N, C-alpha and C. Protein backbone atom coordinates (compact mmCIF):
# COMPACT_ATOMS: atom_id res chain seq x y z
N MET A 1 -3.75 -14.48 28.94
CA MET A 1 -4.56 -14.84 27.79
C MET A 1 -5.54 -15.93 28.19
N ASN A 2 -6.83 -15.65 28.00
CA ASN A 2 -7.87 -16.59 28.41
C ASN A 2 -8.74 -17.09 27.26
N LYS A 3 -8.74 -16.38 26.12
CA LYS A 3 -9.56 -16.80 24.99
C LYS A 3 -8.89 -16.39 23.69
N ALA A 4 -9.12 -17.20 22.65
CA ALA A 4 -8.48 -16.96 21.37
C ALA A 4 -9.29 -17.61 20.26
N ILE A 5 -9.03 -17.16 19.03
CA ILE A 5 -9.72 -17.70 17.86
C ILE A 5 -8.88 -17.39 16.62
N ILE A 6 -9.08 -18.18 15.56
CA ILE A 6 -8.41 -17.95 14.29
C ILE A 6 -9.43 -17.38 13.30
N GLY A 7 -8.98 -16.46 12.45
CA GLY A 7 -9.90 -15.86 11.49
C GLY A 7 -9.25 -15.51 10.18
N LYS A 8 -10.07 -15.01 9.26
CA LYS A 8 -9.61 -14.58 7.94
C LYS A 8 -10.02 -13.14 7.72
N LYS A 9 -9.04 -12.31 7.36
CA LYS A 9 -9.31 -10.89 7.13
C LYS A 9 -10.10 -10.71 5.83
N LEU A 10 -11.26 -10.05 5.92
CA LEU A 10 -12.10 -9.85 4.74
C LEU A 10 -11.94 -8.46 4.14
N GLY A 11 -11.47 -7.50 4.93
CA GLY A 11 -11.31 -6.14 4.42
C GLY A 11 -11.75 -5.12 5.44
N MET A 12 -11.75 -3.85 5.03
CA MET A 12 -12.12 -2.76 5.94
C MET A 12 -13.40 -2.07 5.47
N THR A 13 -14.12 -1.51 6.44
CA THR A 13 -15.31 -0.72 6.15
C THR A 13 -15.48 0.26 7.30
N GLN A 14 -16.66 0.85 7.41
CA GLN A 14 -16.91 1.77 8.52
C GLN A 14 -18.34 1.60 9.01
N ILE A 15 -18.51 1.82 10.30
CA ILE A 15 -19.84 1.80 10.90
C ILE A 15 -20.02 3.08 11.71
N PHE A 16 -21.25 3.33 12.11
CA PHE A 16 -21.55 4.55 12.84
C PHE A 16 -21.98 4.20 14.26
N SER A 17 -21.46 4.94 15.22
CA SER A 17 -21.83 4.74 16.62
C SER A 17 -23.19 5.38 16.89
N ALA A 18 -23.68 5.20 18.11
CA ALA A 18 -25.00 5.73 18.47
C ALA A 18 -25.04 7.25 18.40
N ASP A 19 -23.90 7.92 18.65
CA ASP A 19 -23.86 9.38 18.61
C ASP A 19 -23.44 9.91 17.23
N GLY A 20 -23.39 9.03 16.22
CA GLY A 20 -23.15 9.47 14.86
C GLY A 20 -21.69 9.52 14.43
N LYS A 21 -20.78 9.06 15.28
CA LYS A 21 -19.36 9.10 14.93
C LYS A 21 -19.02 7.93 14.00
N VAL A 22 -18.12 8.18 13.04
CA VAL A 22 -17.67 7.15 12.12
C VAL A 22 -16.56 6.33 12.77
N ILE A 23 -16.69 4.99 12.75
CA ILE A 23 -15.67 4.11 13.31
C ILE A 23 -15.11 3.23 12.19
N PRO A 24 -13.82 3.38 11.85
CA PRO A 24 -13.23 2.49 10.85
C PRO A 24 -12.99 1.11 11.46
N VAL A 25 -13.43 0.07 10.76
CA VAL A 25 -13.32 -1.29 11.31
C VAL A 25 -12.77 -2.25 10.25
N THR A 26 -12.11 -3.29 10.74
CA THR A 26 -11.68 -4.40 9.90
C THR A 26 -12.61 -5.58 10.17
N VAL A 27 -13.13 -6.17 9.11
CA VAL A 27 -14.04 -7.31 9.24
C VAL A 27 -13.24 -8.60 9.16
N VAL A 28 -13.40 -9.45 10.17
CA VAL A 28 -12.68 -10.71 10.23
C VAL A 28 -13.68 -11.85 10.35
N GLU A 29 -13.61 -12.80 9.42
CA GLU A 29 -14.42 -14.02 9.54
C GLU A 29 -13.71 -14.95 10.51
N ALA A 30 -14.25 -15.09 11.71
CA ALA A 30 -13.57 -15.82 12.79
C ALA A 30 -14.33 -17.09 13.14
N GLY A 31 -13.63 -18.23 13.02
CA GLY A 31 -14.22 -19.50 13.40
C GLY A 31 -15.32 -19.95 12.44
N PRO A 32 -16.06 -21.01 12.85
CA PRO A 32 -15.83 -21.80 14.07
C PRO A 32 -14.53 -22.60 13.99
N CYS A 33 -13.82 -22.66 15.13
CA CYS A 33 -12.53 -23.32 15.20
C CYS A 33 -12.62 -24.52 16.14
N PRO A 34 -12.53 -25.75 15.62
CA PRO A 34 -12.58 -26.92 16.50
C PRO A 34 -11.29 -27.05 17.32
N VAL A 35 -11.43 -27.51 18.57
CA VAL A 35 -10.27 -27.79 19.42
C VAL A 35 -9.70 -29.14 19.00
N VAL A 36 -8.49 -29.12 18.45
CA VAL A 36 -7.87 -30.34 17.93
C VAL A 36 -7.08 -31.06 19.02
N GLN A 37 -6.49 -30.29 19.95
CA GLN A 37 -5.66 -30.92 20.98
C GLN A 37 -5.57 -30.00 22.20
N LEU A 38 -5.51 -30.61 23.38
CA LEU A 38 -5.24 -29.89 24.63
C LEU A 38 -3.87 -30.32 25.13
N LYS A 39 -2.99 -29.37 25.35
CA LYS A 39 -1.65 -29.68 25.83
C LYS A 39 -1.54 -29.29 27.31
N THR A 40 -0.97 -30.17 28.12
CA THR A 40 -0.87 -29.96 29.55
C THR A 40 0.59 -29.95 29.99
N VAL A 41 0.82 -29.37 31.16
CA VAL A 41 2.18 -29.29 31.70
C VAL A 41 2.72 -30.69 31.99
N GLU A 42 1.85 -31.58 32.51
CA GLU A 42 2.29 -32.93 32.88
C GLU A 42 2.75 -33.73 31.66
N LYS A 43 2.05 -33.59 30.56
CA LYS A 43 2.35 -34.40 29.37
C LYS A 43 3.27 -33.72 28.38
N ASP A 44 3.08 -32.42 28.18
CA ASP A 44 3.81 -31.71 27.12
C ASP A 44 4.80 -30.67 27.64
N GLY A 45 4.77 -30.38 28.94
CA GLY A 45 5.69 -29.41 29.49
C GLY A 45 5.18 -27.98 29.50
N TYR A 46 4.04 -27.75 28.85
CA TYR A 46 3.41 -26.43 28.87
C TYR A 46 1.92 -26.60 28.60
N GLN A 47 1.16 -25.54 28.87
CA GLN A 47 -0.30 -25.59 28.75
C GLN A 47 -0.76 -24.79 27.55
N ALA A 48 -1.53 -25.41 26.66
CA ALA A 48 -1.99 -24.72 25.47
C ALA A 48 -3.15 -25.48 24.84
N ILE A 49 -3.87 -24.79 23.95
CA ILE A 49 -4.89 -25.45 23.12
C ILE A 49 -4.50 -25.28 21.66
N LYS A 50 -4.82 -26.29 20.86
CA LYS A 50 -4.55 -26.22 19.42
C LYS A 50 -5.88 -26.12 18.69
N LEU A 51 -6.04 -25.04 17.93
CA LEU A 51 -7.27 -24.79 17.20
C LEU A 51 -7.04 -24.97 15.71
N GLY A 52 -8.09 -25.40 15.01
CA GLY A 52 -8.06 -25.52 13.56
C GLY A 52 -9.00 -24.51 12.93
N PHE A 53 -8.76 -24.24 11.63
CA PHE A 53 -9.61 -23.29 10.91
C PHE A 53 -9.59 -23.60 9.43
N ASN A 54 -10.70 -23.37 8.77
CA ASN A 54 -10.84 -23.51 7.31
C ASN A 54 -10.82 -25.00 6.91
N GLU A 55 -11.99 -25.60 6.92
CA GLU A 55 -12.13 -27.03 6.65
C GLU A 55 -11.71 -27.39 5.22
N VAL A 56 -10.97 -28.49 5.08
CA VAL A 56 -10.52 -28.97 3.77
C VAL A 56 -10.76 -30.47 3.66
N LYS A 57 -10.59 -31.00 2.45
CA LYS A 57 -10.73 -32.44 2.24
C LYS A 57 -9.49 -33.17 2.78
N GLU A 58 -9.70 -34.39 3.21
CA GLU A 58 -8.60 -35.19 3.75
C GLU A 58 -7.51 -35.43 2.70
N ALA A 59 -7.90 -35.47 1.41
CA ALA A 59 -6.94 -35.72 0.34
C ALA A 59 -5.91 -34.61 0.21
N GLU A 60 -6.21 -33.44 0.75
CA GLU A 60 -5.29 -32.30 0.65
C GLU A 60 -4.20 -32.34 1.71
N LEU A 61 -4.30 -33.29 2.66
CA LEU A 61 -3.32 -33.38 3.74
C LEU A 61 -2.55 -34.69 3.63
N ASN A 62 -1.35 -34.72 4.23
CA ASN A 62 -0.64 -36.00 4.30
C ASN A 62 -1.15 -36.81 5.49
N LYS A 63 -0.67 -38.03 5.63
CA LYS A 63 -1.23 -38.92 6.65
C LYS A 63 -0.99 -38.43 8.08
N PRO A 64 0.21 -37.95 8.43
CA PRO A 64 0.39 -37.44 9.80
C PRO A 64 -0.52 -36.26 10.12
N GLU A 65 -0.71 -35.36 9.13
CA GLU A 65 -1.58 -34.21 9.35
C GLU A 65 -3.03 -34.65 9.54
N ALA A 66 -3.48 -35.57 8.68
CA ALA A 66 -4.86 -36.03 8.78
C ALA A 66 -5.08 -36.88 10.02
N GLY A 67 -4.04 -37.55 10.50
CA GLY A 67 -4.18 -38.44 11.65
C GLY A 67 -4.59 -37.72 12.93
N GLN A 68 -4.05 -36.51 13.14
CA GLN A 68 -4.40 -35.80 14.38
C GLN A 68 -5.87 -35.36 14.38
N PHE A 69 -6.42 -35.10 13.19
CA PHE A 69 -7.83 -34.73 13.13
C PHE A 69 -8.72 -35.95 13.36
N LYS A 70 -8.30 -37.11 12.85
CA LYS A 70 -9.05 -38.35 13.11
C LYS A 70 -9.05 -38.67 14.60
N LYS A 71 -7.90 -38.48 15.24
CA LYS A 71 -7.79 -38.76 16.67
C LYS A 71 -8.70 -37.85 17.49
N ALA A 72 -8.81 -36.59 17.05
CA ALA A 72 -9.66 -35.63 17.76
C ALA A 72 -11.13 -35.77 17.39
N GLY A 73 -11.40 -36.48 16.28
CA GLY A 73 -12.79 -36.65 15.86
C GLY A 73 -13.39 -35.41 15.24
N VAL A 74 -12.55 -34.61 14.56
CA VAL A 74 -13.03 -33.39 13.91
C VAL A 74 -12.67 -33.44 12.43
N ALA A 75 -13.31 -32.58 11.65
CA ALA A 75 -13.02 -32.50 10.22
C ALA A 75 -11.62 -31.93 10.00
N CYS A 76 -11.01 -32.29 8.87
CA CYS A 76 -9.66 -31.80 8.56
C CYS A 76 -9.68 -30.29 8.36
N GLN A 77 -8.65 -29.64 8.87
CA GLN A 77 -8.56 -28.19 8.81
C GLN A 77 -7.26 -27.78 8.10
N LYS A 78 -7.32 -26.66 7.38
CA LYS A 78 -6.15 -26.17 6.63
C LYS A 78 -5.16 -25.46 7.54
N VAL A 79 -5.67 -24.75 8.56
CA VAL A 79 -4.82 -23.93 9.43
C VAL A 79 -4.85 -24.49 10.84
N LEU A 80 -3.68 -24.58 11.47
CA LEU A 80 -3.55 -25.01 12.86
C LEU A 80 -2.73 -23.98 13.62
N LYS A 81 -3.20 -23.58 14.79
CA LYS A 81 -2.44 -22.65 15.63
C LYS A 81 -2.60 -23.03 17.09
N GLU A 82 -1.52 -22.80 17.84
CA GLU A 82 -1.53 -23.04 19.28
C GLU A 82 -1.67 -21.73 20.03
N PHE A 83 -2.41 -21.76 21.13
CA PHE A 83 -2.56 -20.59 22.00
C PHE A 83 -2.29 -21.03 23.43
N ARG A 84 -1.36 -20.38 24.09
CA ARG A 84 -1.02 -20.72 25.47
C ARG A 84 -1.96 -19.95 26.41
N LEU A 85 -3.07 -20.56 26.73
CA LEU A 85 -4.07 -19.94 27.60
C LEU A 85 -3.76 -20.23 29.06
N GLU A 86 -4.19 -19.31 29.93
CA GLU A 86 -3.96 -19.49 31.36
C GLU A 86 -4.82 -20.60 31.94
N ASP A 87 -6.01 -20.78 31.39
CA ASP A 87 -6.93 -21.81 31.90
C ASP A 87 -7.57 -22.53 30.71
N ILE A 88 -7.35 -23.83 30.62
CA ILE A 88 -7.93 -24.61 29.52
C ILE A 88 -8.98 -25.60 30.02
N SER A 89 -9.36 -25.46 31.30
CA SER A 89 -10.30 -26.42 31.89
C SER A 89 -11.68 -26.36 31.25
N SER A 90 -12.03 -25.20 30.65
CA SER A 90 -13.35 -25.07 30.04
C SER A 90 -13.40 -25.58 28.60
N TYR A 91 -12.26 -26.06 28.08
CA TYR A 91 -12.20 -26.54 26.70
C TYR A 91 -12.12 -28.07 26.68
N THR A 92 -12.72 -28.64 25.65
CA THR A 92 -12.64 -30.10 25.43
C THR A 92 -12.29 -30.35 23.97
N VAL A 93 -11.64 -31.46 23.69
CA VAL A 93 -11.27 -31.82 22.32
C VAL A 93 -12.54 -32.04 21.50
N GLY A 94 -12.60 -31.42 20.33
CA GLY A 94 -13.78 -31.52 19.48
C GLY A 94 -14.74 -30.36 19.63
N GLN A 95 -14.57 -29.59 20.71
CA GLN A 95 -15.44 -28.43 20.94
C GLN A 95 -15.17 -27.36 19.88
N ALA A 96 -16.20 -26.65 19.43
CA ALA A 96 -16.06 -25.58 18.45
C ALA A 96 -16.00 -24.23 19.15
N VAL A 97 -14.93 -23.48 18.90
CA VAL A 97 -14.78 -22.12 19.44
C VAL A 97 -15.35 -21.15 18.41
N THR A 98 -16.32 -20.33 18.82
CA THR A 98 -17.00 -19.41 17.90
C THR A 98 -16.78 -17.96 18.33
N VAL A 99 -17.32 -17.05 17.52
CA VAL A 99 -17.17 -15.62 17.82
C VAL A 99 -17.87 -15.24 19.12
N GLU A 100 -18.79 -16.07 19.59
CA GLU A 100 -19.49 -15.77 20.84
C GLU A 100 -18.54 -15.78 22.04
N THR A 101 -17.32 -16.29 21.83
CA THR A 101 -16.31 -16.25 22.89
C THR A 101 -15.99 -14.81 23.26
N PHE A 102 -16.08 -13.91 22.29
CA PHE A 102 -15.77 -12.50 22.51
C PHE A 102 -17.06 -11.69 22.60
N LYS A 103 -16.95 -10.50 23.15
CA LYS A 103 -18.11 -9.60 23.23
C LYS A 103 -17.67 -8.17 22.88
N GLU A 104 -18.64 -7.33 22.61
CA GLU A 104 -18.34 -5.94 22.25
C GLU A 104 -17.60 -5.24 23.39
N GLY A 105 -16.58 -4.48 23.01
CA GLY A 105 -15.79 -3.76 24.00
C GLY A 105 -14.54 -4.49 24.46
N ASP A 106 -14.40 -5.78 24.08
CA ASP A 106 -13.19 -6.53 24.46
C ASP A 106 -11.96 -5.95 23.79
N LYS A 107 -10.84 -5.96 24.50
CA LYS A 107 -9.56 -5.56 23.95
C LYS A 107 -8.81 -6.82 23.49
N VAL A 108 -8.30 -6.79 22.26
CA VAL A 108 -7.66 -7.99 21.71
C VAL A 108 -6.32 -7.63 21.07
N ASP A 109 -5.47 -8.65 20.95
CA ASP A 109 -4.24 -8.57 20.18
C ASP A 109 -4.44 -9.40 18.90
N VAL A 110 -4.01 -8.84 17.77
CA VAL A 110 -4.17 -9.52 16.48
C VAL A 110 -2.81 -9.77 15.87
N VAL A 111 -2.54 -11.03 15.51
CA VAL A 111 -1.27 -11.42 14.89
C VAL A 111 -1.53 -11.81 13.44
N GLY A 112 -0.77 -11.22 12.53
CA GLY A 112 -0.94 -11.53 11.11
C GLY A 112 0.38 -11.45 10.36
N GLN A 113 0.36 -11.89 9.11
CA GLN A 113 1.53 -11.85 8.24
C GLN A 113 1.36 -10.69 7.28
N THR A 114 2.29 -9.72 7.31
CA THR A 114 2.16 -8.52 6.50
C THR A 114 2.34 -8.83 5.01
N LYS A 115 1.91 -7.89 4.18
CA LYS A 115 2.06 -8.03 2.73
C LYS A 115 3.54 -8.06 2.37
N GLY A 116 3.92 -8.95 1.45
CA GLY A 116 5.29 -9.03 0.99
C GLY A 116 5.53 -8.11 -0.20
N HIS A 117 6.61 -7.34 -0.18
CA HIS A 117 6.95 -6.43 -1.27
C HIS A 117 8.21 -6.86 -2.01
N GLY A 118 8.78 -8.01 -1.62
CA GLY A 118 9.98 -8.49 -2.29
C GLY A 118 11.20 -7.67 -1.94
N PHE A 119 12.22 -7.74 -2.80
CA PHE A 119 13.46 -6.97 -2.59
C PHE A 119 13.18 -5.51 -2.92
N SER A 120 13.37 -4.62 -1.97
CA SER A 120 13.04 -3.21 -2.14
C SER A 120 14.21 -2.32 -1.76
N GLY A 121 14.26 -1.15 -2.38
CA GLY A 121 15.31 -0.17 -2.07
C GLY A 121 15.02 0.58 -0.79
N VAL A 122 15.96 1.45 -0.41
CA VAL A 122 15.86 2.13 0.89
C VAL A 122 14.74 3.16 0.91
N ILE A 123 14.37 3.71 -0.25
CA ILE A 123 13.31 4.72 -0.27
C ILE A 123 11.96 4.07 0.05
N LYS A 124 11.68 2.93 -0.58
CA LYS A 124 10.42 2.24 -0.32
C LYS A 124 10.45 1.53 1.03
N ARG A 125 11.61 0.93 1.37
CA ARG A 125 11.68 0.10 2.56
C ARG A 125 11.79 0.92 3.84
N TRP A 126 12.57 1.99 3.82
CA TRP A 126 12.84 2.77 5.04
C TRP A 126 12.37 4.22 4.94
N ASN A 127 11.70 4.57 3.84
CA ASN A 127 11.16 5.93 3.67
C ASN A 127 12.27 6.98 3.65
N GLN A 128 13.45 6.64 3.10
CA GLN A 128 14.54 7.60 3.02
C GLN A 128 14.32 8.57 1.86
N GLN A 129 15.08 9.68 1.89
CA GLN A 129 14.96 10.69 0.86
C GLN A 129 15.91 10.38 -0.29
N ARG A 130 15.51 10.70 -1.50
CA ARG A 130 16.41 10.47 -2.63
C ARG A 130 17.54 11.49 -2.62
N LEU A 131 18.60 11.20 -3.38
CA LEU A 131 19.73 12.13 -3.48
C LEU A 131 19.36 13.31 -4.39
N LYS A 132 20.22 14.34 -4.39
CA LYS A 132 19.95 15.52 -5.21
C LYS A 132 19.91 15.13 -6.69
N MET A 133 19.13 15.89 -7.46
CA MET A 133 19.01 15.62 -8.89
C MET A 133 20.02 16.44 -9.70
N THR A 134 20.81 17.30 -9.03
CA THR A 134 21.75 18.19 -9.72
C THR A 134 23.12 18.12 -9.08
N HIS A 135 24.04 18.99 -9.53
CA HIS A 135 25.37 19.17 -8.95
C HIS A 135 26.19 17.88 -8.95
N GLY A 136 26.16 17.18 -10.07
CA GLY A 136 27.04 16.04 -10.23
C GLY A 136 26.59 14.77 -9.54
N VAL A 137 25.41 14.78 -8.96
CA VAL A 137 24.91 13.56 -8.30
C VAL A 137 24.28 12.66 -9.36
N GLY A 138 24.67 11.42 -9.39
CA GLY A 138 24.08 10.51 -10.36
C GLY A 138 25.15 9.61 -10.94
N PRO A 139 24.81 8.72 -11.84
CA PRO A 139 23.50 8.64 -12.51
C PRO A 139 22.41 7.99 -11.66
N VAL A 140 22.77 7.50 -10.44
CA VAL A 140 21.77 6.87 -9.58
C VAL A 140 21.35 7.85 -8.49
N HIS A 141 20.05 8.03 -8.32
CA HIS A 141 19.55 9.00 -7.35
C HIS A 141 18.77 8.35 -6.20
N ARG A 142 18.54 7.03 -6.31
CA ARG A 142 17.76 6.34 -5.28
C ARG A 142 18.62 5.35 -4.50
N GLU A 143 19.95 5.52 -4.54
CA GLU A 143 20.83 4.60 -3.84
C GLU A 143 20.92 4.92 -2.36
N VAL A 144 21.66 4.12 -1.61
CA VAL A 144 21.71 4.24 -0.16
C VAL A 144 22.33 5.55 0.28
N GLY A 145 23.40 5.97 -0.40
CA GLY A 145 24.12 7.16 0.04
C GLY A 145 25.38 6.78 0.79
N SER A 146 25.84 7.64 1.67
CA SER A 146 27.10 7.42 2.38
C SER A 146 27.02 6.20 3.29
N MET A 147 28.10 5.41 3.26
CA MET A 147 28.19 4.24 4.14
C MET A 147 29.02 4.52 5.39
N GLY A 148 29.58 5.72 5.50
CA GLY A 148 30.40 6.06 6.67
C GLY A 148 31.81 6.45 6.25
N SER A 149 32.64 6.70 7.23
CA SER A 149 34.02 7.14 6.99
C SER A 149 34.86 6.03 6.35
N ILE A 150 35.90 6.44 5.58
CA ILE A 150 36.77 5.47 4.92
C ILE A 150 37.74 4.83 5.92
N SER A 151 38.44 5.65 6.71
CA SER A 151 39.51 5.14 7.57
C SER A 151 38.99 4.57 8.89
N ALA A 152 38.04 5.24 9.47
CA ALA A 152 37.50 4.76 10.74
C ALA A 152 35.98 4.92 10.70
N PRO A 153 35.22 3.88 10.92
CA PRO A 153 35.63 2.56 11.43
C PRO A 153 36.01 1.55 10.35
N SER A 154 36.06 1.97 9.08
CA SER A 154 36.43 1.10 7.97
C SER A 154 35.48 -0.09 7.81
N ARG A 155 34.25 0.11 8.15
CA ARG A 155 33.24 -0.94 7.97
C ARG A 155 31.85 -0.29 8.02
N VAL A 156 30.86 -1.04 7.62
CA VAL A 156 29.48 -0.57 7.69
C VAL A 156 28.88 -1.07 9.00
N PHE A 157 28.30 -0.15 9.77
CA PHE A 157 27.74 -0.52 11.07
C PHE A 157 26.57 -1.50 10.91
N LYS A 158 26.47 -2.41 11.85
CA LYS A 158 25.37 -3.35 11.87
C LYS A 158 24.04 -2.60 12.04
N ASN A 159 22.98 -3.14 11.42
CA ASN A 159 21.62 -2.58 11.48
C ASN A 159 21.45 -1.29 10.69
N LYS A 160 22.42 -0.95 9.84
CA LYS A 160 22.23 0.21 8.96
C LYS A 160 21.11 -0.09 7.96
N HIS A 161 20.29 0.90 7.69
CA HIS A 161 19.17 0.73 6.77
C HIS A 161 19.69 0.52 5.35
N MET A 162 19.41 -0.67 4.82
CA MET A 162 19.91 -1.06 3.50
C MET A 162 18.76 -1.64 2.66
N PRO A 163 18.98 -1.80 1.35
CA PRO A 163 17.97 -2.51 0.55
C PRO A 163 17.84 -3.96 1.00
N GLY A 164 16.70 -4.56 0.76
CA GLY A 164 16.52 -5.96 1.14
C GLY A 164 15.06 -6.37 1.13
N GLN A 165 14.79 -7.52 1.73
CA GLN A 165 13.42 -8.04 1.79
C GLN A 165 12.54 -7.11 2.61
N TYR A 166 11.40 -6.74 2.04
CA TYR A 166 10.49 -5.81 2.70
C TYR A 166 9.12 -6.48 2.84
N GLY A 167 8.61 -6.52 4.07
CA GLY A 167 7.30 -7.12 4.32
C GLY A 167 7.39 -8.62 4.52
N ASN A 168 6.24 -9.29 4.46
CA ASN A 168 6.13 -10.73 4.65
C ASN A 168 6.73 -11.16 5.98
N GLU A 169 6.33 -10.47 7.06
CA GLU A 169 6.82 -10.80 8.39
C GLU A 169 5.67 -10.82 9.39
N LYS A 170 5.87 -11.53 10.47
CA LYS A 170 4.84 -11.67 11.50
C LYS A 170 4.76 -10.39 12.33
N VAL A 171 3.56 -9.83 12.42
CA VAL A 171 3.36 -8.57 13.14
C VAL A 171 2.18 -8.71 14.09
N THR A 172 2.34 -8.17 15.29
CA THR A 172 1.27 -8.16 16.28
C THR A 172 0.83 -6.73 16.55
N VAL A 173 -0.48 -6.48 16.45
CA VAL A 173 -1.05 -5.18 16.82
C VAL A 173 -1.83 -5.37 18.11
N GLN A 174 -1.49 -4.59 19.13
CA GLN A 174 -2.04 -4.80 20.46
C GLN A 174 -3.16 -3.81 20.78
N ASN A 175 -3.99 -4.23 21.74
CA ASN A 175 -5.03 -3.38 22.33
C ASN A 175 -6.01 -2.80 21.31
N LEU A 176 -6.47 -3.63 20.38
CA LEU A 176 -7.55 -3.22 19.48
C LEU A 176 -8.89 -3.56 20.12
N GLU A 177 -9.90 -2.81 19.77
CA GLU A 177 -11.22 -2.98 20.40
C GLU A 177 -12.19 -3.66 19.44
N ILE A 178 -12.92 -4.63 19.98
CA ILE A 178 -13.99 -5.28 19.19
C ILE A 178 -15.24 -4.40 19.29
N VAL A 179 -15.66 -3.90 18.12
CA VAL A 179 -16.80 -2.98 18.08
C VAL A 179 -18.11 -3.74 17.97
N LYS A 180 -18.09 -4.86 17.23
CA LYS A 180 -19.33 -5.61 17.04
C LYS A 180 -19.03 -7.08 16.82
N VAL A 181 -19.90 -7.94 17.34
CA VAL A 181 -19.80 -9.39 17.14
C VAL A 181 -21.02 -9.84 16.37
N ASP A 182 -20.81 -10.36 15.16
CA ASP A 182 -21.91 -10.83 14.30
C ASP A 182 -21.93 -12.35 14.35
N THR A 183 -22.82 -12.90 15.17
CA THR A 183 -22.89 -14.35 15.35
C THR A 183 -23.50 -15.05 14.13
N VAL A 184 -24.31 -14.34 13.35
CA VAL A 184 -24.96 -14.93 12.17
C VAL A 184 -23.93 -15.19 11.08
N ARG A 185 -23.03 -14.23 10.87
CA ARG A 185 -22.02 -14.34 9.79
C ARG A 185 -20.66 -14.80 10.32
N ASN A 186 -20.57 -15.14 11.59
CA ASN A 186 -19.30 -15.52 12.21
C ASN A 186 -18.22 -14.46 11.97
N ALA A 187 -18.57 -13.21 12.24
CA ALA A 187 -17.67 -12.10 11.95
C ALA A 187 -17.40 -11.25 13.19
N LEU A 188 -16.17 -10.77 13.28
CA LEU A 188 -15.78 -9.80 14.30
C LEU A 188 -15.43 -8.49 13.60
N LEU A 189 -15.96 -7.38 14.09
CA LEU A 189 -15.63 -6.06 13.57
C LEU A 189 -14.68 -5.41 14.57
N ILE A 190 -13.41 -5.25 14.15
CA ILE A 190 -12.36 -4.77 15.03
C ILE A 190 -11.99 -3.34 14.63
N LYS A 191 -11.94 -2.45 15.60
CA LYS A 191 -11.65 -1.04 15.33
C LYS A 191 -10.19 -0.88 14.87
N GLY A 192 -10.01 -0.21 13.72
CA GLY A 192 -8.67 0.05 13.22
C GLY A 192 -8.21 -1.00 12.22
N ALA A 193 -6.93 -0.90 11.85
CA ALA A 193 -6.35 -1.78 10.84
C ALA A 193 -5.59 -2.93 11.50
N ILE A 194 -5.53 -4.06 10.80
CA ILE A 194 -4.77 -5.21 11.28
C ILE A 194 -3.82 -5.65 10.17
N PRO A 195 -2.75 -6.37 10.50
CA PRO A 195 -1.76 -6.74 9.48
C PRO A 195 -2.29 -7.75 8.47
N GLY A 196 -1.72 -7.70 7.26
CA GLY A 196 -2.02 -8.72 6.27
C GLY A 196 -2.92 -8.24 5.15
N PRO A 197 -2.94 -8.99 4.04
CA PRO A 197 -3.81 -8.66 2.91
C PRO A 197 -5.21 -9.21 3.12
N LYS A 198 -6.13 -8.88 2.23
CA LYS A 198 -7.46 -9.48 2.25
C LYS A 198 -7.32 -10.99 2.03
N GLY A 199 -8.00 -11.76 2.85
CA GLY A 199 -7.89 -13.20 2.77
C GLY A 199 -6.78 -13.77 3.62
N GLY A 200 -6.00 -12.91 4.28
CA GLY A 200 -4.92 -13.38 5.13
C GLY A 200 -5.43 -13.97 6.44
N ILE A 201 -4.70 -14.96 6.96
CA ILE A 201 -5.08 -15.61 8.21
C ILE A 201 -4.53 -14.80 9.39
N VAL A 202 -5.37 -14.57 10.40
CA VAL A 202 -4.96 -13.84 11.59
C VAL A 202 -5.34 -14.63 12.85
N ALA A 203 -4.58 -14.41 13.91
CA ALA A 203 -4.87 -15.02 15.20
C ALA A 203 -5.31 -13.92 16.17
N ILE A 204 -6.46 -14.10 16.77
CA ILE A 204 -7.02 -13.09 17.67
C ILE A 204 -7.09 -13.66 19.08
N SER A 205 -6.56 -12.91 20.04
CA SER A 205 -6.61 -13.33 21.44
C SER A 205 -6.83 -12.11 22.31
N ASP A 206 -7.32 -12.32 23.54
CA ASP A 206 -7.54 -11.19 24.42
C ASP A 206 -6.20 -10.54 24.76
N SER A 207 -6.22 -9.23 24.91
CA SER A 207 -4.99 -8.45 25.04
C SER A 207 -4.23 -8.77 26.31
N VAL A 208 -2.91 -8.84 26.21
CA VAL A 208 -2.08 -9.11 27.38
C VAL A 208 -1.74 -7.85 28.15
N LYS A 209 -2.03 -6.68 27.57
CA LYS A 209 -1.68 -5.40 28.22
C LYS A 209 -2.91 -4.55 28.52
N ALA A 210 -4.10 -5.09 28.32
CA ALA A 210 -5.31 -4.29 28.54
C ALA A 210 -5.42 -3.89 30.00
């Protein structure tokens, strides 16, 4: 990983290539992200940069949060993320990372928080089939179904698909392609879908498997 940026998902649209093909893209408002801190192996035990995104008033932060921005000499930011880059020599504290870091055709990994659906049943959560509507089945038709044998193993196996919390988890989509870089609007157009709702915060970095 050599470059990264934080952005906000704006939604999906489509653009047309030079040969007339339709390309579905996700529009991400990326940066500018000030470098708040540089972490080194000698001082911190690992190498990374800390980026901020989405400027806010100092009154919205507590003193420890606001203090690190004062130390770096940058405006207060709502979002902070660390990226473990292979080389941080080209970065300085206070520097603004913009969409110009990336170019068309780059392969990137996008990390986001998926939409939360709350407590959900097995049909919605795991795409299971409902039970029969006839022959004495009921009165519940959307329940889990058989839990296994009574005598052996006399327990429910671990990792069995059950009702529970669905969504609201960290997801990474790898090897997506940047179709267009809009430096005027600070936007990246990424081919395909990325995790999260409209307005969700995403972390974009060059792909580790490209």
